[in-house]
């Protein structure tokens, strides 16, 4: 689940589908599933279960955001119906080549997923030691509840003034409101800078 990073097990997703009306379709976005525990994906089930459509962006786990490449998994009969309404040339040759190469090097990417998970957990621990409420899910970022006296937008501005750019829940639905920010890291060397900036804003 974005932006919390919380995960449903594959069997929970399939149970949800079983409880829907017979003609209802279930569309599942697994952009972050590679960061989750093994067995979380329903990709195999989607290829043989009527009414389940699995969307998989490769921008997150495979770092192909610039390529804008993704794929859909469903039963062959349903894929035929969808293909009839899809325009030609939806993914360029370069993006297709990048996607194929990425999928062909699973071990490399699996190492990066574990590395990201370790980094996110370490960041969560550091921020929790500052007394903050942190949700560390299976995405490359942590969700942090704003401390008393700060809104997401005001805290974002304070951190930006210290050179740390964070995301507010704007555009992520209404539930989180102005109560949370999200911090992601591109590499572990940035963690001390981020933690020090957060400390300064809390002082």
N, C-alpha and C. Protein backbone atom coordinates (compact mmCIF):
# COMPACT_ATOMS: atom_id res chain seq x y z
N UNK A 1 0.85 -1.20 0.00
CA UNK A 1 0.00 0.00 0.00
C UNK A 1 0.88 1.24 0.00
N UNK A 2 0.62 2.13 -0.91
CA UNK A 2 1.34 3.38 -0.99
C UNK A 2 0.43 4.49 -0.44
N UNK A 3 0.84 5.30 0.52
CA UNK A 3 2.22 5.54 0.90
C UNK A 3 2.69 4.87 2.19
N UNK A 4 1.87 4.02 2.82
CA UNK A 4 2.28 3.45 4.10
C UNK A 4 3.27 2.30 3.95
N UNK A 5 3.22 1.61 2.82
CA UNK A 5 4.11 0.47 2.62
C UNK A 5 3.66 -0.80 3.31
N UNK A 6 2.48 -0.78 3.90
CA UNK A 6 1.96 -1.99 4.53
C UNK A 6 1.55 -2.98 3.44
N UNK A 7 1.61 -4.28 3.75
CA UNK A 7 1.42 -5.27 2.69
C UNK A 7 0.33 -6.27 3.08
N UNK A 8 -0.46 -6.65 2.09
CA UNK A 8 -1.39 -7.76 2.24
C UNK A 8 -0.72 -9.02 1.69
N UNK A 9 -0.91 -10.14 2.36
CA UNK A 9 -0.40 -11.40 1.84
C UNK A 9 -1.18 -11.77 0.58
N UNK A 10 -0.57 -12.60 -0.25
CA UNK A 10 -1.22 -13.01 -1.50
C UNK A 10 -2.55 -13.69 -1.21
N UNK A 11 -2.60 -14.51 -0.17
CA UNK A 11 -3.85 -15.22 0.12
C UNK A 11 -4.94 -14.26 0.56
N UNK A 12 -4.58 -13.15 1.20
CA UNK A 12 -5.58 -12.16 1.59
C UNK A 12 -6.17 -11.46 0.36
N UNK A 13 -5.31 -11.18 -0.62
CA UNK A 13 -5.80 -10.56 -1.85
C UNK A 13 -6.73 -11.51 -2.59
N UNK A 14 -6.37 -12.78 -2.65
CA UNK A 14 -7.20 -13.76 -3.34
C UNK A 14 -8.51 -13.99 -2.59
N UNK A 15 -8.48 -13.93 -1.26
CA UNK A 15 -9.72 -14.02 -0.48
C UNK A 15 -10.64 -12.85 -0.78
N UNK A 16 -10.05 -11.67 -0.95
CA UNK A 16 -10.83 -10.48 -1.30
C UNK A 16 -11.54 -10.69 -2.64
N UNK A 17 -10.82 -11.23 -3.61
CA UNK A 17 -11.43 -11.48 -4.92
C UNK A 17 -12.58 -12.48 -4.79
N UNK A 18 -12.41 -13.50 -3.96
CA UNK A 18 -13.44 -14.52 -3.80
C UNK A 18 -14.72 -13.95 -3.19
N UNK A 19 -14.61 -12.86 -2.43
CA UNK A 19 -15.77 -12.26 -1.78
C UNK A 19 -16.49 -11.25 -2.67
N UNK A 20 -15.91 -10.90 -3.80
CA UNK A 20 -16.54 -9.94 -4.70
C UNK A 20 -17.65 -10.59 -5.50
N UNK A 21 -18.59 -9.81 -6.03
CA UNK A 21 -19.62 -10.38 -6.91
C UNK A 21 -18.97 -11.09 -8.09
N UNK A 22 -19.63 -12.09 -8.64
CA UNK A 22 -19.02 -12.93 -9.70
C UNK A 22 -18.48 -12.15 -10.89
N UNK A 23 -19.14 -11.09 -11.30
CA UNK A 23 -18.69 -10.35 -12.49
C UNK A 23 -17.72 -9.22 -12.17
N UNK A 24 -17.40 -9.04 -10.91
CA UNK A 24 -16.51 -7.93 -10.53
C UNK A 24 -15.06 -8.27 -10.85
N UNK A 25 -14.31 -7.26 -11.25
CA UNK A 25 -12.88 -7.42 -11.51
C UNK A 25 -12.08 -6.82 -10.37
N UNK A 26 -10.94 -7.40 -10.10
CA UNK A 26 -10.04 -6.88 -9.07
C UNK A 26 -8.73 -6.49 -9.75
N UNK A 27 -8.40 -5.20 -9.65
CA UNK A 27 -7.16 -4.70 -10.23
C UNK A 27 -6.18 -4.44 -9.09
N UNK A 28 -5.00 -5.01 -9.21
CA UNK A 28 -3.99 -4.92 -8.15
C UNK A 28 -2.74 -4.26 -8.71
N UNK A 29 -2.25 -3.25 -7.99
CA UNK A 29 -1.02 -2.55 -8.36
C UNK A 29 0.11 -3.08 -7.47
N UNK A 30 1.10 -3.71 -8.09
CA UNK A 30 2.22 -4.28 -7.31
C UNK A 30 3.53 -3.54 -7.57
N UNK A 31 3.47 -2.22 -7.62
CA UNK A 31 4.67 -1.43 -7.91
C UNK A 31 5.78 -1.68 -6.88
N UNK A 32 5.42 -1.95 -5.63
CA UNK A 32 6.41 -2.09 -4.57
C UNK A 32 6.56 -3.53 -4.05
N UNK A 33 5.89 -4.48 -4.67
CA UNK A 33 5.82 -5.82 -4.10
C UNK A 33 7.19 -6.49 -3.97
N UNK A 34 8.15 -6.10 -4.79
CA UNK A 34 9.47 -6.74 -4.73
C UNK A 34 10.20 -6.43 -3.42
N UNK A 35 9.81 -5.36 -2.74
CA UNK A 35 10.41 -5.03 -1.46
C UNK A 35 9.76 -5.82 -0.31
N UNK A 36 8.63 -6.44 -0.58
CA UNK A 36 7.86 -7.15 0.45
C UNK A 36 8.38 -8.58 0.61
N UNK A 37 7.95 -9.27 1.67
CA UNK A 37 8.40 -10.65 1.88
C UNK A 37 8.05 -11.55 0.70
N UNK A 38 8.86 -12.56 0.50
CA UNK A 38 8.63 -13.51 -0.58
C UNK A 38 7.23 -14.11 -0.45
N UNK A 39 6.55 -14.27 -1.57
CA UNK A 39 5.21 -14.84 -1.55
C UNK A 39 4.10 -13.81 -1.47
N UNK A 40 4.46 -12.52 -1.51
CA UNK A 40 3.44 -11.48 -1.43
C UNK A 40 2.76 -11.23 -2.77
N UNK A 41 3.43 -11.55 -3.86
CA UNK A 41 2.89 -11.26 -5.18
C UNK A 41 1.80 -12.25 -5.59
N UNK A 42 0.82 -11.75 -6.34
CA UNK A 42 -0.22 -12.63 -6.89
C UNK A 42 -0.03 -12.80 -8.40
N UNK A 43 1.18 -12.53 -8.87
CA UNK A 43 1.42 -12.56 -10.32
C UNK A 43 1.04 -13.91 -10.93
N UNK A 44 1.42 -14.99 -10.28
CA UNK A 44 1.12 -16.31 -10.81
C UNK A 44 -0.39 -16.56 -10.83
N UNK A 45 -1.07 -16.21 -9.73
CA UNK A 45 -2.51 -16.41 -9.65
C UNK A 45 -3.25 -15.56 -10.67
N UNK A 46 -2.75 -14.35 -10.94
CA UNK A 46 -3.41 -13.46 -11.88
C UNK A 46 -3.40 -14.03 -13.29
N UNK A 47 -2.41 -14.84 -13.61
CA UNK A 47 -2.30 -15.39 -14.96
C UNK A 47 -3.32 -16.49 -15.23
N UNK A 48 -4.00 -16.95 -14.16
CA UNK A 48 -4.93 -18.07 -14.35
C UNK A 48 -6.27 -17.89 -13.64
N UNK A 49 -6.47 -16.75 -12.97
CA UNK A 49 -7.71 -16.51 -12.23
C UNK A 49 -8.57 -15.49 -12.95
N UNK A 50 -9.78 -15.84 -13.27
CA UNK A 50 -10.68 -14.93 -13.98
C UNK A 50 -10.96 -13.68 -13.15
N UNK A 51 -10.86 -12.54 -13.79
CA UNK A 51 -11.25 -11.29 -13.13
C UNK A 51 -10.18 -10.64 -12.29
N UNK A 52 -8.95 -11.17 -12.30
CA UNK A 52 -7.85 -10.51 -11.58
C UNK A 52 -6.89 -9.93 -12.61
N UNK A 53 -6.58 -8.65 -12.44
CA UNK A 53 -5.67 -7.95 -13.33
C UNK A 53 -4.54 -7.36 -12.48
N UNK A 54 -3.34 -7.76 -12.77
CA UNK A 54 -2.19 -7.30 -12.00
C UNK A 54 -1.38 -6.31 -12.82
N UNK A 55 -1.22 -5.11 -12.29
CA UNK A 55 -0.41 -4.08 -12.92
C UNK A 55 0.94 -4.01 -12.21
N UNK A 56 2.01 -4.00 -12.97
CA UNK A 56 3.34 -3.97 -12.37
C UNK A 56 4.19 -2.89 -13.04
N UNK A 57 4.33 -1.76 -12.36
CA UNK A 57 5.26 -0.73 -12.82
C UNK A 57 6.68 -1.19 -12.53
N UNK A 58 7.59 -0.90 -13.43
CA UNK A 58 8.99 -1.25 -13.20
C UNK A 58 9.80 -0.03 -12.79
N UNK A 59 9.11 1.05 -12.45
CA UNK A 59 9.81 2.29 -12.09
C UNK A 59 10.42 2.24 -10.70
N UNK A 60 9.86 1.45 -9.80
CA UNK A 60 10.33 1.43 -8.42
C UNK A 60 11.41 0.38 -8.21
N UNK A 61 11.03 -0.88 -8.26
CA UNK A 61 11.96 -1.96 -7.92
C UNK A 61 13.08 -2.11 -8.94
N UNK A 62 12.83 -1.69 -10.18
CA UNK A 62 13.84 -1.85 -11.22
C UNK A 62 14.47 -0.52 -11.65
N UNK A 63 14.12 0.56 -10.95
CA UNK A 63 14.71 1.89 -11.21
C UNK A 63 14.57 2.31 -12.67
N UNK A 64 13.42 2.04 -13.26
CA UNK A 64 13.19 2.39 -14.66
C UNK A 64 12.14 3.49 -14.81
N UNK A 65 12.13 4.43 -13.85
CA UNK A 65 11.10 5.46 -13.90
C UNK A 65 11.20 6.29 -15.17
N UNK A 66 12.40 6.55 -15.65
CA UNK A 66 12.55 7.33 -16.87
C UNK A 66 12.05 6.61 -18.11
N UNK A 67 12.05 5.28 -18.06
CA UNK A 67 11.60 4.49 -19.22
C UNK A 67 10.09 4.41 -19.30
N UNK A 68 9.40 4.68 -18.19
CA UNK A 68 7.94 4.62 -18.16
C UNK A 68 7.43 3.28 -18.68
N UNK A 69 7.92 2.21 -18.09
CA UNK A 69 7.55 0.88 -18.57
C UNK A 69 6.85 0.10 -17.46
N UNK A 70 5.84 -0.66 -17.87
CA UNK A 70 5.08 -1.49 -16.94
C UNK A 70 4.50 -2.66 -17.72
N UNK A 71 3.93 -3.61 -16.98
CA UNK A 71 3.26 -4.71 -17.68
C UNK A 71 2.01 -5.12 -16.92
N UNK A 72 1.15 -5.84 -17.62
CA UNK A 72 -0.12 -6.32 -17.08
C UNK A 72 -0.12 -7.85 -17.12
N UNK A 73 -0.61 -8.47 -16.04
CA UNK A 73 -0.75 -9.93 -16.00
C UNK A 73 -2.22 -10.27 -15.77
N UNK A 74 -2.76 -11.12 -16.64
CA UNK A 74 -4.12 -11.63 -16.49
C UNK A 74 -4.23 -12.90 -17.32
N UNK A 75 -5.41 -13.49 -17.36
CA UNK A 75 -5.58 -14.69 -18.19
C UNK A 75 -5.45 -14.33 -19.67
N UNK A 76 -4.97 -15.26 -20.48
CA UNK A 76 -4.80 -14.97 -21.92
C UNK A 76 -6.06 -14.47 -22.59
N UNK A 77 -7.22 -15.04 -22.22
CA UNK A 77 -8.47 -14.60 -22.85
C UNK A 77 -8.75 -13.13 -22.54
N UNK A 78 -8.49 -12.73 -21.31
CA UNK A 78 -8.75 -11.35 -20.91
C UNK A 78 -7.70 -10.41 -21.51
N UNK A 79 -6.48 -10.91 -21.66
CA UNK A 79 -5.43 -10.10 -22.29
C UNK A 79 -5.80 -9.79 -23.74
N UNK A 80 -6.41 -10.76 -24.42
CA UNK A 80 -6.82 -10.55 -25.81
C UNK A 80 -7.85 -9.43 -25.90
N UNK A 81 -8.80 -9.42 -24.96
CA UNK A 81 -9.82 -8.37 -24.96
C UNK A 81 -9.20 -7.00 -24.72
N UNK A 82 -8.28 -6.93 -23.79
CA UNK A 82 -7.64 -5.65 -23.46
C UNK A 82 -6.78 -5.17 -24.62
N UNK A 83 -6.05 -6.10 -25.22
CA UNK A 83 -5.15 -5.73 -26.31
C UNK A 83 -5.90 -5.08 -27.47
N UNK A 84 -7.16 -5.48 -27.66
CA UNK A 84 -7.96 -4.92 -28.76
C UNK A 84 -8.20 -3.43 -28.58
N UNK A 85 -8.15 -2.96 -27.34
CA UNK A 85 -8.40 -1.54 -27.10
C UNK A 85 -7.17 -0.73 -26.77
N UNK A 86 -5.99 -1.34 -26.90
CA UNK A 86 -4.75 -0.65 -26.56
C UNK A 86 -4.10 -0.11 -27.83
N UNK A 87 -3.66 1.15 -27.82
CA UNK A 87 -3.02 1.69 -29.02
C UNK A 87 -1.68 1.02 -29.30
N UNK A 88 -1.24 1.02 -30.56
CA UNK A 88 0.07 0.44 -30.87
C UNK A 88 1.20 1.31 -30.34
N UNK A 89 2.35 0.72 -30.24
CA UNK A 89 3.57 1.44 -29.84
C UNK A 89 3.43 2.12 -28.48
N UNK A 90 2.88 1.42 -27.52
CA UNK A 90 2.70 2.03 -26.20
C UNK A 90 3.99 2.06 -25.39
N UNK A 91 4.94 1.19 -25.72
CA UNK A 91 6.25 1.19 -25.05
C UNK A 91 7.31 1.19 -26.14
N UNK A 92 8.22 2.14 -26.09
CA UNK A 92 9.26 2.24 -27.10
C UNK A 92 10.26 1.10 -27.03
N UNK A 93 11.01 0.94 -28.08
CA UNK A 93 11.99 -0.16 -28.17
C UNK A 93 13.04 -0.07 -27.07
N UNK A 94 13.52 1.14 -26.79
CA UNK A 94 14.55 1.29 -25.75
C UNK A 94 14.00 0.87 -24.39
N UNK A 95 12.77 1.27 -24.09
CA UNK A 95 12.16 0.90 -22.81
C UNK A 95 11.94 -0.61 -22.73
N UNK A 96 11.51 -1.21 -23.83
CA UNK A 96 11.33 -2.67 -23.85
C UNK A 96 12.66 -3.38 -23.59
N UNK A 97 13.70 -2.91 -24.22
CA UNK A 97 15.02 -3.52 -24.06
C UNK A 97 15.50 -3.39 -22.62
N UNK A 98 15.29 -2.21 -22.03
CA UNK A 98 15.70 -2.00 -20.63
C UNK A 98 14.92 -2.91 -19.69
N UNK A 99 13.62 -3.06 -19.95
CA UNK A 99 12.79 -3.92 -19.10
C UNK A 99 13.21 -5.38 -19.20
N UNK A 100 13.47 -5.84 -20.41
CA UNK A 100 13.89 -7.23 -20.59
C UNK A 100 15.22 -7.49 -19.90
N UNK A 101 16.15 -6.53 -20.03
CA UNK A 101 17.45 -6.68 -19.37
C UNK A 101 17.30 -6.71 -17.85
N UNK A 102 16.43 -5.84 -17.32
CA UNK A 102 16.21 -5.79 -15.87
C UNK A 102 15.62 -7.10 -15.36
N UNK A 103 14.62 -7.61 -16.05
CA UNK A 103 13.98 -8.86 -15.63
C UNK A 103 14.94 -10.05 -15.75
N UNK A 104 15.94 -9.92 -16.61
CA UNK A 104 16.89 -11.00 -16.80
C UNK A 104 18.01 -11.02 -15.78
N UNK A 105 18.05 -10.03 -14.90
CA UNK A 105 19.13 -9.97 -13.90
C UNK A 105 18.53 -9.91 -12.50
N UNK A 106 17.79 -10.95 -12.16
CA UNK A 106 17.05 -10.98 -10.89
C UNK A 106 17.96 -10.87 -9.68
N UNK A 107 19.09 -11.57 -9.70
CA UNK A 107 19.97 -11.58 -8.53
C UNK A 107 20.46 -10.19 -8.18
N UNK A 108 20.84 -9.42 -9.19
CA UNK A 108 21.31 -8.05 -8.95
C UNK A 108 20.22 -7.23 -8.27
N UNK A 109 19.03 -7.28 -8.84
CA UNK A 109 17.94 -6.47 -8.29
C UNK A 109 17.50 -6.97 -6.92
N UNK A 110 17.51 -8.27 -6.70
CA UNK A 110 17.15 -8.80 -5.37
C UNK A 110 18.10 -8.27 -4.31
N UNK A 111 19.37 -8.15 -4.64
CA UNK A 111 20.34 -7.56 -3.70
C UNK A 111 19.98 -6.11 -3.41
N UNK A 112 19.57 -5.36 -4.44
CA UNK A 112 19.21 -3.95 -4.24
C UNK A 112 17.95 -3.83 -3.38
N UNK A 113 16.99 -4.77 -3.54
CA UNK A 113 15.77 -4.72 -2.73
C UNK A 113 16.10 -4.95 -1.25
N UNK A 114 16.97 -5.91 -1.00
CA UNK A 114 17.38 -6.17 0.40
C UNK A 114 18.14 -4.98 0.96
N UNK A 115 18.99 -4.39 0.15
CA UNK A 115 19.77 -3.23 0.57
C UNK A 115 18.85 -2.06 0.92
N UNK A 116 17.84 -1.84 0.10
CA UNK A 116 16.88 -0.77 0.35
C UNK A 116 16.10 -1.02 1.62
N UNK A 117 15.66 -2.26 1.81
CA UNK A 117 14.90 -2.60 3.02
C UNK A 117 15.75 -2.37 4.27
N UNK A 118 17.01 -2.78 4.24
CA UNK A 118 17.91 -2.58 5.38
C UNK A 118 18.08 -1.09 5.67
N UNK A 119 18.25 -0.30 4.62
CA UNK A 119 18.44 1.14 4.77
C UNK A 119 17.20 1.80 5.36
N UNK A 120 16.03 1.41 4.88
CA UNK A 120 14.78 1.99 5.38
C UNK A 120 14.57 1.64 6.85
N UNK A 121 14.85 0.40 7.22
CA UNK A 121 14.71 -0.01 8.63
C UNK A 121 15.67 0.77 9.52
N UNK A 122 16.90 0.99 9.05
CA UNK A 122 17.87 1.75 9.84
C UNK A 122 17.41 3.20 10.01
N UNK A 123 16.86 3.79 8.94
CA UNK A 123 16.35 5.16 9.05
C UNK A 123 15.18 5.22 10.02
N UNK A 124 14.30 4.25 9.96
CA UNK A 124 13.16 4.21 10.89
C UNK A 124 13.64 4.14 12.32
N UNK A 125 14.65 3.31 12.59
CA UNK A 125 15.19 3.19 13.95
C UNK A 125 15.75 4.52 14.44
N UNK A 126 16.51 5.19 13.57
CA UNK A 126 17.11 6.47 13.95
C UNK A 126 16.04 7.51 14.29
N UNK A 127 14.99 7.54 13.49
CA UNK A 127 13.94 8.54 13.71
C UNK A 127 13.09 8.19 14.93
N UNK A 128 12.87 6.90 15.18
CA UNK A 128 12.13 6.50 16.36
C UNK A 128 12.90 6.85 17.64
N UNK A 129 14.22 6.82 17.57
CA UNK A 129 15.02 7.20 18.73
C UNK A 129 14.86 8.69 19.06
N UNK A 130 14.39 9.47 18.10
CA UNK A 130 14.13 10.88 18.34
C UNK A 130 12.73 11.10 18.92
N UNK A 131 12.01 10.00 19.15
CA UNK A 131 10.66 10.09 19.72
C UNK A 131 9.57 10.23 18.69
N UNK A 132 9.89 10.04 17.43
CA UNK A 132 8.89 10.18 16.36
C UNK A 132 8.15 8.86 16.13
N UNK A 133 6.91 8.98 15.68
CA UNK A 133 6.12 7.81 15.29
C UNK A 133 6.39 7.55 13.81
N UNK A 134 6.94 6.36 13.53
CA UNK A 134 7.39 6.04 12.17
C UNK A 134 6.71 4.77 11.68
N UNK A 135 6.23 4.81 10.46
CA UNK A 135 5.69 3.62 9.80
C UNK A 135 6.68 3.22 8.73
N UNK A 136 7.36 2.10 8.94
CA UNK A 136 8.32 1.64 7.93
C UNK A 136 7.74 0.41 7.25
N UNK A 137 7.20 0.62 6.10
CA UNK A 137 6.61 -0.47 5.34
C UNK A 137 7.60 -0.98 4.29
N UNK A 138 7.06 -1.67 3.32
CA UNK A 138 7.90 -2.28 2.29
C UNK A 138 7.95 -1.41 1.05
N UNK A 139 8.42 -0.17 1.24
CA UNK A 139 8.71 0.74 0.14
C UNK A 139 10.05 1.38 0.47
N UNK A 140 10.57 2.17 -0.45
CA UNK A 140 11.88 2.77 -0.22
C UNK A 140 11.82 4.06 0.57
N UNK A 141 10.91 4.16 1.52
CA UNK A 141 10.74 5.39 2.30
C UNK A 141 10.04 5.06 3.61
N UNK A 142 10.08 6.02 4.53
CA UNK A 142 9.35 5.87 5.80
C UNK A 142 8.31 6.99 5.90
N UNK A 143 7.21 6.67 6.52
CA UNK A 143 6.13 7.62 6.77
C UNK A 143 6.24 8.04 8.23
N UNK A 144 6.26 9.36 8.48
CA UNK A 144 6.50 9.87 9.82
C UNK A 144 5.36 10.78 10.23
N UNK A 145 4.81 10.52 11.42
CA UNK A 145 3.76 11.41 11.93
C UNK A 145 4.40 12.72 12.39
N UNK A 146 3.79 13.82 12.00
CA UNK A 146 4.31 15.13 12.38
C UNK A 146 4.21 15.31 13.90
N UNK A 147 5.23 15.86 14.52
CA UNK A 147 5.16 16.14 15.96
C UNK A 147 4.17 17.26 16.24
N UNK A 148 3.80 17.40 17.50
CA UNK A 148 2.86 18.46 17.89
C UNK A 148 3.40 19.81 17.45
N UNK A 149 2.50 20.63 16.92
CA UNK A 149 2.87 21.97 16.52
C UNK A 149 3.36 22.09 15.09
N UNK A 150 3.46 20.97 14.40
CA UNK A 150 3.92 21.03 13.01
C UNK A 150 2.89 20.37 12.09
N UNK A 151 2.68 21.00 10.95
CA UNK A 151 1.89 20.38 9.90
C UNK A 151 2.86 19.80 8.88
N UNK A 152 2.35 18.98 8.00
CA UNK A 152 3.22 18.38 6.98
C UNK A 152 3.87 19.47 6.13
N UNK A 153 3.08 20.47 5.72
CA UNK A 153 3.64 21.50 4.84
C UNK A 153 4.65 22.39 5.57
N UNK A 154 4.39 22.71 6.84
CA UNK A 154 5.34 23.56 7.57
C UNK A 154 6.63 22.80 7.86
N UNK A 155 6.52 21.52 8.20
CA UNK A 155 7.71 20.72 8.46
C UNK A 155 8.51 20.51 7.18
N UNK A 156 7.80 20.30 6.09
CA UNK A 156 8.46 20.15 4.79
C UNK A 156 9.29 21.39 4.47
N UNK A 157 8.73 22.57 4.73
CA UNK A 157 9.44 23.82 4.44
C UNK A 157 10.68 23.97 5.33
N UNK A 158 10.55 23.61 6.61
CA UNK A 158 11.70 23.68 7.52
C UNK A 158 12.83 22.77 7.04
N UNK A 159 12.48 21.55 6.68
CA UNK A 159 13.50 20.60 6.24
C UNK A 159 14.11 21.04 4.91
N UNK A 160 13.30 21.60 4.03
CA UNK A 160 13.82 22.09 2.74
C UNK A 160 14.86 23.19 2.96
N UNK A 161 14.62 24.03 3.97
CA UNK A 161 15.58 25.11 4.25
C UNK A 161 16.92 24.56 4.72
N UNK A 162 16.93 23.30 5.16
CA UNK A 162 18.16 22.63 5.59
C UNK A 162 18.71 21.69 4.52
N UNK A 163 18.11 21.75 3.34
CA UNK A 163 18.61 20.95 2.23
C UNK A 163 18.05 19.54 2.15
N UNK A 164 16.99 19.26 2.90
CA UNK A 164 16.38 17.93 2.87
C UNK A 164 14.97 18.06 2.28
N UNK A 165 14.76 17.41 1.15
CA UNK A 165 13.47 17.48 0.47
C UNK A 165 12.65 16.24 0.83
N UNK A 166 11.46 16.46 1.38
CA UNK A 166 10.58 15.36 1.76
C UNK A 166 9.24 15.53 1.06
N UNK A 167 8.43 14.50 1.14
CA UNK A 167 7.13 14.53 0.48
C UNK A 167 6.02 14.61 1.52
N UNK A 168 5.01 15.42 1.23
CA UNK A 168 3.81 15.45 2.07
C UNK A 168 2.77 14.53 1.44
N UNK A 169 1.67 14.26 2.15
CA UNK A 169 0.65 13.35 1.59
C UNK A 169 -0.22 13.97 0.49
N UNK A 170 0.09 15.18 0.05
CA UNK A 170 -0.70 15.81 -1.00
C UNK A 170 -0.72 14.90 -2.23
N UNK A 171 -1.92 14.60 -2.70
CA UNK A 171 -2.05 13.72 -3.85
C UNK A 171 -2.09 12.24 -3.49
N UNK A 172 -2.02 11.92 -2.19
CA UNK A 172 -2.03 10.53 -1.76
C UNK A 172 -3.34 10.16 -1.07
N UNK A 173 -4.38 10.92 -1.30
CA UNK A 173 -5.64 10.67 -0.62
C UNK A 173 -5.83 11.61 0.54
N UNK A 174 -6.99 11.54 1.18
CA UNK A 174 -7.36 12.50 2.23
C UNK A 174 -7.10 11.99 3.64
N UNK A 175 -6.85 10.70 3.81
CA UNK A 175 -6.77 10.13 5.16
C UNK A 175 -5.60 10.69 5.95
N UNK A 176 -4.44 10.84 5.32
CA UNK A 176 -3.25 11.29 6.04
C UNK A 176 -3.25 12.78 6.30
N UNK A 177 -3.97 13.53 5.47
CA UNK A 177 -4.09 14.97 5.69
C UNK A 177 -2.75 15.66 5.82
N UNK A 178 -2.65 16.53 6.83
CA UNK A 178 -1.42 17.29 7.09
C UNK A 178 -0.65 16.68 8.26
N UNK A 179 -0.89 15.40 8.52
CA UNK A 179 -0.33 14.78 9.73
C UNK A 179 0.96 14.00 9.50
N UNK A 180 1.36 13.78 8.25
CA UNK A 180 2.53 12.94 7.97
C UNK A 180 3.41 13.55 6.89
N UNK A 181 4.69 13.18 6.96
CA UNK A 181 5.60 13.41 5.84
C UNK A 181 6.23 12.05 5.49
N UNK A 182 6.83 12.00 4.30
CA UNK A 182 7.51 10.77 3.90
C UNK A 182 8.93 11.10 3.49
N UNK A 183 9.88 10.31 4.00
CA UNK A 183 11.28 10.51 3.68
C UNK A 183 11.84 9.25 3.03
N UNK A 184 12.48 9.42 1.90
CA UNK A 184 13.17 8.31 1.24
C UNK A 184 14.64 8.63 1.09
N UNK A 185 15.45 7.61 0.95
CA UNK A 185 16.89 7.79 0.78
C UNK A 185 17.33 7.12 -0.51
N UNK A 186 18.25 7.77 -1.21
CA UNK A 186 18.83 7.13 -2.40
C UNK A 186 20.06 6.30 -2.04
N UNK A 187 20.73 6.67 -0.95
CA UNK A 187 21.85 5.86 -0.47
C UNK A 187 22.05 6.13 1.01
N UNK A 188 22.73 5.20 1.67
CA UNK A 188 22.85 5.25 3.13
C UNK A 188 23.71 6.42 3.61
N UNK A 189 24.59 6.91 2.76
CA UNK A 189 25.46 8.01 3.17
C UNK A 189 24.68 9.29 3.47
N UNK A 190 23.47 9.38 2.95
CA UNK A 190 22.64 10.57 3.21
C UNK A 190 21.95 10.52 4.57
N UNK A 191 21.93 9.36 5.21
CA UNK A 191 21.15 9.21 6.44
C UNK A 191 21.57 10.18 7.54
N UNK A 192 22.88 10.35 7.83
CA UNK A 192 23.24 11.29 8.90
C UNK A 192 22.75 12.71 8.63
N UNK A 193 22.82 13.15 7.37
CA UNK A 193 22.35 14.50 7.03
C UNK A 193 20.86 14.63 7.28
N UNK A 194 20.12 13.62 6.88
CA UNK A 194 18.67 13.65 7.06
C UNK A 194 18.31 13.66 8.55
N UNK A 195 18.93 12.76 9.31
CA UNK A 195 18.62 12.67 10.74
C UNK A 195 19.01 13.96 11.46
N UNK A 196 20.17 14.53 11.11
CA UNK A 196 20.59 15.79 11.74
C UNK A 196 19.61 16.92 11.43
N UNK A 197 19.11 16.96 10.20
CA UNK A 197 18.15 18.01 9.82
C UNK A 197 16.86 17.83 10.61
N UNK A 198 16.39 16.61 10.75
CA UNK A 198 15.18 16.35 11.53
C UNK A 198 15.39 16.80 12.98
N UNK A 199 16.56 16.46 13.54
CA UNK A 199 16.87 16.88 14.93
C UNK A 199 16.78 18.39 15.07
N UNK A 200 17.33 19.13 14.12
CA UNK A 200 17.31 20.59 14.20
C UNK A 200 15.88 21.13 14.18
N UNK A 201 15.02 20.52 13.39
CA UNK A 201 13.64 21.00 13.31
C UNK A 201 12.85 20.65 14.57
N UNK A 202 13.31 19.64 15.30
CA UNK A 202 12.63 19.26 16.54
C UNK A 202 13.14 20.03 17.75
N UNK A 203 14.32 20.63 17.61
CA UNK A 203 14.95 21.29 18.75
C UNK A 203 14.12 22.52 19.19
